[in-house]
Amino acid sequence: MSPRICLLRGDGVGEELLPHVRAVLSAASPTLDFVEAELGFGAFERHGTALPDTTLAAARDADACLLVAVGSPSEPTPGYASPIVALRRELDLFANLRPVRSLPSTCPAADSQRPEVDLLIVRENTEGLYAGRERREGDVAVAERVISGFASRRITRVAGELAAARRGRVCVVHKANVLRATCGLFREVALGVLAEQPELEVEEMLVDHAAYRLAAEPERFDVIVTTNLFGDVLSDLAAHAGGGLGLACSSNLGEAHALFEPVHGSAPDIAGRDIANPVASLRAGAALLAHQGLSDAAQRLTDALDDCLARGPWTADLGGDASTGAVTDAVLRRLAASGSSADAAHNLTSRPSASAPVLQHPPTEREA
């Protein structure tokens, strides 16, 4: 069977970019079988929910999902809840992987003075302050921060295994000096799990100091493992070292499901103008291909994107003036020049199991 991919139509540039992503994925791997579903604020306005039941069912049935971008209301809106957070919870997408790599030195937006950066933030994706346990009582609002040993253990095991396949260094980020119960538990569990891999170089860092070090010298990091909110904030900060949010992608992985997305938001101010940078969404597509065992297609797409970043065309956020369509066309030409994917025949008969653990698929590389 061909891999069944659920393309999630979102809002703003998300809806605009989706056809570009579909065209590039089809060119990289013609065996893919696509189904489309909707979510986001537009879906909420049409159906009264940002995550319709039909969309959740399509996501459950798919081998992997790709979401481009969703919007959210600027003011509190009764009944609206984040569809991304809901999908992570419903599909148990417990591991959020956010890679950051330096731009090629020839890209106009590259910082030629900075050492090369290649880091990975591994973020627990299901609990913490994003667990959704909030309430308001008059002039007081309360949010409960939930940290469990179970979730801390499994995300740290992911980080440890990924670090072993990279440069062998892990930094545990927390705020246990103040949040003694919740971060104290995360720190205790994480350091205990990593002690089972003596070959790793392990350090710990308070989150405020980690933010400072990420801004000042991101090249010092290999793998960072942390809790949900901290990982969200730190990964957006680290994205600056890789050219900004317009280039950053995110993998949300669990034991049975996977969701890939760019980190940027729906950018309603530029939606419909053919100027949005498609690279982050296409990088998410490359990660999806790798997850599905289509390693040749994933590498061909990654190489095509890297070549576009090095030689152009570039969108305005990278110092160029190319349109979304021009960048997509350039990627398609490079894919065509690289030849057909060697994965095609193999993957008609060989596919990763739907229950395969997240660590079988290490990465090659807005709403929280």
Protein backbone atom coordinates (compact mmCIF):
# COMPACT_ATOMS: atom_id res chain seq x y z
CA MET A 1 0.00 0.00 0.00
CA SER A 2 1.03 3.60 -0.59
CA PRO A 3 1.53 5.79 2.49
CA ARG A 4 -1.69 7.66 3.29
CA ILE A 5 -0.94 11.30 4.12
CA CYS A 6 -3.50 13.62 5.69
CA LEU A 7 -2.95 17.22 4.56
CA LEU A 8 -4.54 19.57 7.07
CA ARG A 9 -5.88 22.80 5.57
CA GLY A 10 -5.44 25.62 8.03
CA ASP A 11 -5.73 29.38 7.81
CA GLY A 12 -4.02 32.29 6.06
CA VAL A 13 -0.78 31.28 4.36
CA GLY A 14 -1.44 27.74 5.56
CA GLU A 15 -4.28 27.34 3.09
CA GLU A 16 -2.26 29.15 0.41
CA LEU A 17 0.85 26.99 0.82
CA LEU A 18 -0.90 23.62 0.91
CA PRO A 19 -1.07 23.13 -2.89
CA HIS A 20 2.64 23.95 -3.14
CA VAL A 21 3.49 21.37 -0.48
CA ARG A 22 1.30 18.74 -2.15
CA ALA A 23 2.94 19.34 -5.55
CA VAL A 24 6.46 19.01 -4.13
CA LEU A 25 5.68 15.89 -2.08
CA SER A 26 4.05 14.28 -5.12
CA ALA A 27 7.15 15.04 -7.18
CA ALA A 28 9.48 13.69 -4.51
CA SER A 29 7.45 10.51 -3.96
CA PRO A 30 4.67 9.72 -6.46
CA THR A 31 3.50 6.76 -4.34
CA LEU A 32 1.91 8.98 -1.69
CA ASP A 33 -1.87 8.84 -1.27
CA PHE A 34 -3.29 12.17 -0.08
CA VAL A 35 -6.46 13.04 1.77
CA GLU A 36 -7.28 16.61 2.84
CA ALA A 37 -9.11 17.80 5.95
CA GLU A 38 -9.72 21.17 7.59
CA LEU A 39 -8.95 22.68 10.99
CA GLY A 40 -8.21 26.05 12.54
CA PHE A 41 -10.10 29.26 13.11
CA GLY A 42 -11.83 29.12 9.74
CA ALA A 43 -13.10 25.66 10.59
CA PHE A 44 -14.28 26.99 13.95
CA GLU A 45 -16.27 29.73 12.25
CA ARG A 46 -17.83 27.24 9.84
CA HIS A 47 -18.45 24.31 12.16
CA GLY A 48 -18.24 25.61 15.73
CA THR A 49 -15.05 23.64 16.42
CA ALA A 50 -11.44 24.16 15.37
CA LEU A 51 -10.95 20.38 15.10
CA PRO A 52 -13.99 18.77 13.43
CA ASP A 53 -14.65 15.11 14.18
CA THR A 54 -14.12 14.27 10.49
CA THR A 55 -10.66 15.84 10.61
CA LEU A 56 -9.68 13.93 13.74
CA ALA A 57 -10.89 10.69 12.14
CA ALA A 58 -8.86 11.41 8.98
CA ALA A 59 -5.78 12.10 11.08
CA ARG A 60 -6.22 8.85 13.00
CA ASP A 61 -6.59 6.86 9.79
CA ALA A 62 -3.54 8.38 8.10
CA ASP A 63 0.03 7.11 8.29
CA ALA A 64 1.16 10.69 8.91
CA CYS A 65 -0.26 14.22 8.86
CA LEU A 66 1.12 17.48 7.54
CA LEU A 67 -0.24 20.79 8.78
CA VAL A 68 0.93 24.06 7.24
CA ALA A 69 -0.43 26.76 9.57
CA VAL A 70 -3.51 27.66 11.58
CA GLY A 71 -4.78 30.94 12.93
CA SER A 72 -6.26 31.71 16.30
CA PRO A 73 -8.54 34.52 17.50
CA SER A 74 -6.79 37.61 18.82
CA GLU A 75 -9.37 37.94 21.61
CA PRO A 76 -10.75 35.25 23.94
CA THR A 77 -13.43 33.41 21.97
CA PRO A 78 -15.90 31.16 23.81
CA GLY A 79 -15.67 27.59 22.57
CA TYR A 80 -12.39 27.98 20.70
CA ALA A 81 -9.53 25.65 21.66
CA SER A 82 -6.22 25.11 19.91
CA PRO A 83 -6.59 22.31 17.33
CA ILE A 84 -2.86 21.60 17.42
CA VAL A 85 -2.84 21.04 21.17
CA ALA A 86 -5.94 18.88 20.80
CA LEU A 87 -4.33 16.77 18.05
CA ARG A 88 -1.21 16.26 20.13
CA ARG A 89 -3.36 15.07 23.01
CA GLU A 90 -5.75 12.90 20.97
CA LEU A 91 -2.95 11.21 18.99
CA ASP A 92 -0.52 11.09 21.94
CA LEU A 93 2.16 12.97 20.02
CA PHE A 94 4.43 13.19 23.03
CA ALA A 95 7.72 14.12 21.36
CA ASN A 96 8.18 17.48 19.67
CA LEU A 97 11.45 17.70 17.74
CA ARG A 98 12.64 21.08 16.51
CA PRO A 99 15.95 21.10 14.61
CA VAL A 100 17.95 24.25 13.93
CA ARG A 101 20.70 24.40 11.30
CA SER A 102 22.70 27.36 10.04
CA LEU A 103 21.88 28.84 6.65
CA PRO A 104 24.36 28.31 3.82
CA SER A 105 26.90 31.13 3.87
CA THR A 106 25.83 32.29 0.40
CA CYS A 107 22.24 33.01 1.50
CA PRO A 108 21.70 36.79 1.93
CA ALA A 109 20.19 36.22 5.38
CA ALA A 110 23.12 34.14 6.66
CA ASP A 111 25.26 35.40 9.54
CA SER A 112 28.76 34.76 8.25
CA GLN A 113 30.30 35.77 11.58
CA ARG A 114 28.60 33.02 13.59
CA PRO A 115 30.00 29.49 13.94
CA GLU A 116 27.90 26.75 12.36
CA VAL A 117 24.83 25.73 14.36
CA ASP A 118 23.29 22.25 14.34
CA LEU A 119 21.09 21.65 17.37
CA LEU A 120 17.89 19.79 18.22
CA ILE A 121 15.35 20.74 20.87
CA VAL A 122 13.37 17.79 22.22
CA ARG A 123 10.23 19.08 23.89
CA GLU A 124 7.72 17.13 25.96
CA ASN A 125 4.51 17.74 24.05
CA THR A 126 1.53 16.60 26.15
CA GLU A 127 1.60 18.17 29.61
CA GLY A 128 3.12 21.06 31.57
CA LEU A 129 1.30 24.38 31.36
CA TYR A 130 -0.20 23.30 28.04
CA ALA A 131 -2.24 20.53 29.66
CA GLY A 132 -5.31 22.76 29.41
CA ARG A 133 -6.09 22.87 33.12
CA GLU A 134 -7.03 26.53 33.41
CA ARG A 135 -9.83 28.35 35.12
CA ARG A 136 -10.82 31.91 35.88
CA GLU A 137 -12.55 33.07 39.01
CA GLY A 138 -13.38 36.76 38.78
CA ASP A 139 -10.17 38.74 38.80
CA VAL A 140 -7.99 35.66 39.30
CA ALA A 141 -6.89 33.15 36.64
CA VAL A 142 -5.23 29.85 37.52
CA ALA A 143 -3.30 27.39 35.33
CA GLU A 144 -2.13 24.03 36.68
CA ARG A 145 1.30 22.78 35.61
CA VAL A 146 1.23 19.01 35.27
CA ILE A 147 4.53 17.09 35.16
CA SER A 148 4.60 13.29 35.44
CA GLY A 149 7.44 10.87 35.84
CA PHE A 150 6.03 8.77 32.98
CA ALA A 151 6.07 11.63 30.46
CA SER A 152 9.45 12.87 31.68
CA ARG A 153 10.99 9.40 31.30
CA ARG A 154 9.76 8.77 27.78
CA ILE A 155 10.76 12.18 26.41
CA THR A 156 14.22 11.89 27.99
CA ARG A 157 14.69 8.44 26.44
CA VAL A 158 13.92 9.99 23.05
CA ALA A 159 16.47 12.75 23.67
CA GLY A 160 19.11 10.29 24.84
CA GLU A 161 18.74 8.03 21.83
CA LEU A 162 18.79 10.95 19.40
CA ALA A 163 21.86 12.42 21.09
CA ALA A 164 23.65 9.08 20.79
CA ALA A 165 23.04 9.23 17.02
CA ARG A 166 24.33 12.83 16.86
CA ARG A 167 27.29 14.29 18.78
CA GLY A 168 26.55 12.65 22.11
CA ARG A 169 25.70 15.73 24.20
CA VAL A 170 22.45 16.44 26.07
CA CYS A 171 21.44 19.50 28.07
CA VAL A 172 18.53 19.10 30.52
CA VAL A 173 16.76 22.46 30.84
CA HIS A 174 14.52 23.21 33.84
CA LYS A 175 13.74 25.72 36.58
CA ALA A 176 13.99 23.40 39.57
CA ASN A 177 15.45 26.09 41.83
CA VAL A 178 12.02 27.78 41.88
CA LEU A 179 9.52 25.21 40.57
CA ARG A 180 10.74 22.63 43.04
CA ALA A 181 7.89 20.13 42.73
CA THR A 182 7.28 20.10 38.97
CA CYS A 183 10.68 20.96 37.53
CA GLY A 184 12.25 19.11 40.45
CA LEU A 185 10.53 15.93 39.29
CA PHE A 186 11.47 16.49 35.64
CA ARG A 187 15.12 17.13 36.56
CA GLU A 188 15.32 14.08 38.82
CA VAL A 189 13.80 11.76 36.23
CA ALA A 190 15.72 13.17 33.27
CA LEU A 191 19.12 12.95 34.93
CA GLY A 192 18.32 9.44 36.14
CA VAL A 193 17.35 8.24 32.66
CA LEU A 194 20.41 9.78 31.03
CA ALA A 195 22.67 8.17 33.63
CA GLU A 196 21.77 4.88 31.93
CA GLN A 197 23.78 6.07 28.90
CA PRO A 198 27.25 6.75 30.33
CA GLU A 199 28.62 7.42 26.85
CA LEU A 200 26.65 10.67 26.72
CA GLU A 201 27.94 14.01 27.94
CA VAL A 202 25.12 15.37 30.13
CA GLU A 203 24.70 18.82 31.61
CA GLU A 204 21.80 20.69 33.18
CA MET A 205 20.90 24.34 32.87
CA LEU A 206 18.28 26.68 34.29
CA VAL A 207 15.91 27.85 31.59
CA ASP A 208 16.76 31.54 31.89
CA HIS A 209 20.46 30.80 31.51
CA ALA A 210 19.72 28.42 28.63
CA ALA A 211 17.85 31.23 26.84
CA TYR A 212 20.86 33.50 27.29
CA ARG A 213 23.27 30.86 25.99
CA LEU A 214 21.03 30.05 23.01
CA ALA A 215 21.03 33.71 22.03
CA ALA A 216 24.76 34.21 22.62
CA GLU A 217 26.28 30.92 21.44
CA PRO A 218 23.77 28.43 19.99
CA GLU A 219 26.64 26.47 18.44
CA ARG A 220 27.54 25.06 21.87
CA PHE A 221 24.39 22.93 22.00
CA ASP A 222 23.71 19.50 20.51
CA VAL A 223 20.45 18.18 22.03
CA ILE A 224 18.28 20.04 24.54
CA VAL A 225 15.51 18.21 26.40
CA THR A 226 12.93 20.18 28.33
CA THR A 227 9.30 20.60 29.28
CA ASN A 228 6.47 21.84 27.08
CA LEU A 229 6.37 25.61 27.60
CA PHE A 230 10.14 25.98 27.95
CA GLY A 231 10.67 23.98 24.76
CA ASP A 232 8.16 26.10 22.88
CA VAL A 233 9.85 29.37 23.84
CA LEU A 234 13.44 28.14 23.48
CA SER A 235 12.85 26.62 20.04
CA ASP A 236 11.43 29.87 18.69
CA LEU A 237 14.45 31.71 20.13
CA ALA A 238 16.86 29.18 18.63
CA ALA A 239 15.18 29.45 15.22
CA HIS A 240 16.89 32.83 14.80
CA ALA A 241 20.22 31.01 14.42
CA GLY A 242 18.74 29.04 11.53
CA GLY A 243 17.32 31.96 9.59
CA GLY A 244 14.08 32.57 11.47
CA LEU A 245 10.67 31.01 11.93
CA GLY A 246 10.04 31.05 8.18
CA LEU A 247 12.52 28.18 7.85
CA ALA A 248 11.83 26.21 11.03
CA CYS A 249 9.87 22.95 11.06
CA SER A 250 8.55 20.72 13.80
CA SER A 251 7.93 16.97 14.12
CA ASN A 252 5.23 15.80 16.56
CA LEU A 253 5.79 12.09 17.08
CA GLY A 254 4.17 9.32 19.06
CA GLU A 255 4.16 5.55 19.06
CA ALA A 256 1.37 5.24 16.47
CA HIS A 257 0.91 8.67 14.86
CA ALA A 258 2.95 11.57 13.53
CA LEU A 259 2.24 15.20 12.61
CA PHE A 260 4.66 17.50 10.80
CA GLU A 261 4.36 21.27 10.54
CA PRO A 262 6.23 24.53 10.04
CA VAL A 263 6.75 26.55 13.20
CA HIS A 264 5.45 29.82 11.73
CA GLY A 265 1.86 30.97 12.08
CA SER A 266 -0.85 31.77 9.56
CA ALA A 267 0.51 35.30 8.78
CA PRO A 268 -2.84 36.78 7.70
CA ASP A 269 -1.11 40.05 6.75
CA ILE A 270 0.63 38.40 3.78
CA ALA A 271 -1.89 35.65 2.97
CA GLY A 272 -2.95 35.52 -0.67
CA ARG A 273 -0.06 37.68 -1.92
CA ASP A 274 2.22 34.86 -3.17
CA ILE A 275 5.13 36.03 -1.01
CA ALA A 276 5.12 33.51 1.87
CA ASN A 277 8.28 31.44 2.24
CA PRO A 278 7.40 27.76 1.60
CA VAL A 279 10.70 26.34 2.89
CA ALA A 280 9.57 25.54 6.46
CA SER A 281 6.52 23.66 5.16
CA LEU A 282 8.65 21.79 2.63
CA ARG A 283 11.19 20.91 5.33
CA ALA A 284 8.30 19.49 7.34
CA GLY A 285 7.43 17.48 4.24
CA ALA A 286 10.97 16.12 4.05
CA ALA A 287 10.76 15.04 7.69
CA LEU A 288 7.45 13.31 6.91
CA LEU A 289 9.03 11.41 4.02
CA ALA A 290 11.89 10.25 6.25
CA HIS A 291 9.38 9.13 8.89
CA GLN A 292 7.57 7.03 6.29
CA GLY A 293 10.76 5.23 5.36
CA LEU A 294 11.11 7.16 2.09
CA SER A 295 14.71 8.06 2.81
CA ASP A 296 15.77 8.64 -0.79
CA ALA A 297 12.87 11.01 -1.45
CA ALA A 298 13.51 12.81 1.85
CA GLN A 299 17.18 13.31 1.01
CA ARG A 300 16.42 14.52 -2.52
CA LEU A 301 13.97 17.07 -1.17
CA THR A 302 16.37 18.16 1.57
CA ASP A 303 19.15 18.59 -1.00
CA ALA A 304 16.85 20.60 -3.27
CA LEU A 305 15.88 22.90 -0.41
CA ASP A 306 19.49 23.34 0.71
CA ASP A 307 20.49 24.22 -2.85
CA CYS A 308 17.69 26.79 -3.09
CA LEU A 309 18.79 28.34 0.20
CA ALA A 310 22.38 28.48 -1.05
CA ARG A 311 21.77 29.72 -4.61
CA GLY A 312 18.26 31.13 -4.63
CA PRO A 313 15.66 32.11 -5.45
CA TRP A 314 14.96 33.69 -2.08
CA THR A 315 11.76 35.19 -0.71
CA ALA A 316 11.77 38.65 0.88
CA ASP A 317 12.38 37.37 4.42
CA LEU A 318 15.72 35.99 3.21
CA GLY A 319 16.75 39.12 1.34
CA GLY A 320 15.35 38.26 -2.09
CA ASP A 321 12.25 39.14 -4.05
CA ALA A 322 11.03 35.74 -5.27
CA SER A 323 7.39 34.71 -5.01
CA THR A 324 6.12 31.59 -3.27
CA GLY A 325 5.47 30.05 -6.66
CA ALA A 326 8.97 30.84 -7.92
CA VAL A 327 10.59 29.09 -4.95
CA THR A 328 8.29 26.09 -5.34
CA ASP A 329 9.09 25.89 -9.07
CA ALA A 330 12.82 26.02 -8.29
CA VAL A 331 12.48 23.13 -5.83
CA LEU A 332 10.47 21.13 -8.40
CA ARG A 333 13.14 21.70 -11.07
CA ARG A 334 15.88 20.50 -8.72
CA LEU A 335 13.84 17.43 -7.82
CA ALA A 336 13.31 16.65 -11.50
CA ALA A 337 17.04 17.05 -12.16
CA SER A 338 17.89 14.65 -9.32
CA GLY A 339 15.95 11.80 -10.96
CA SER A 340 13.12 9.59 -9.74
CA SER A 341 13.07 8.31 -6.19
CA ALA A 342 14.60 4.91 -5.52
CA ASP A 343 12.02 4.53 -2.75
CA ALA A 344 9.03 4.13 -5.06
CA ALA A 345 9.15 0.40 -5.77
CA HIS A 346 10.44 -0.47 -2.30
CA ASN A 347 7.68 1.34 -0.46
CA LEU A 348 4.82 -0.29 -2.33
CA THR A 349 5.62 -3.45 -0.38
CA SER A 350 7.60 -2.22 2.64
CA ARG A 351 6.26 0.33 5.11
CA PRO A 352 7.05 1.16 8.73
CA SER A 353 4.57 -0.33 11.16
CA ALA A 354 1.91 2.04 12.44
CA SER A 355 3.00 1.09 15.94
CA ALA A 356 6.70 1.63 15.30
CA PRO A 357 8.30 3.63 18.11
CA VAL A 358 9.29 7.21 17.54
CA LEU A 359 13.00 6.42 17.72
CA GLN A 360 12.88 4.39 14.53
CA HIS A 361 12.54 7.69 12.73
CA PRO A 362 15.24 10.17 13.84
CA PRO A 363 14.94 13.60 12.25
CA THR A 364 17.20 14.97 9.51
CA GLU A 365 16.89 18.02 10.62
CA ARG A 366 2.11 30.21 14.94
CA GLU A 367 0.64 28.37 17.28
CA ALA A 368 2.45 26.66 20.13
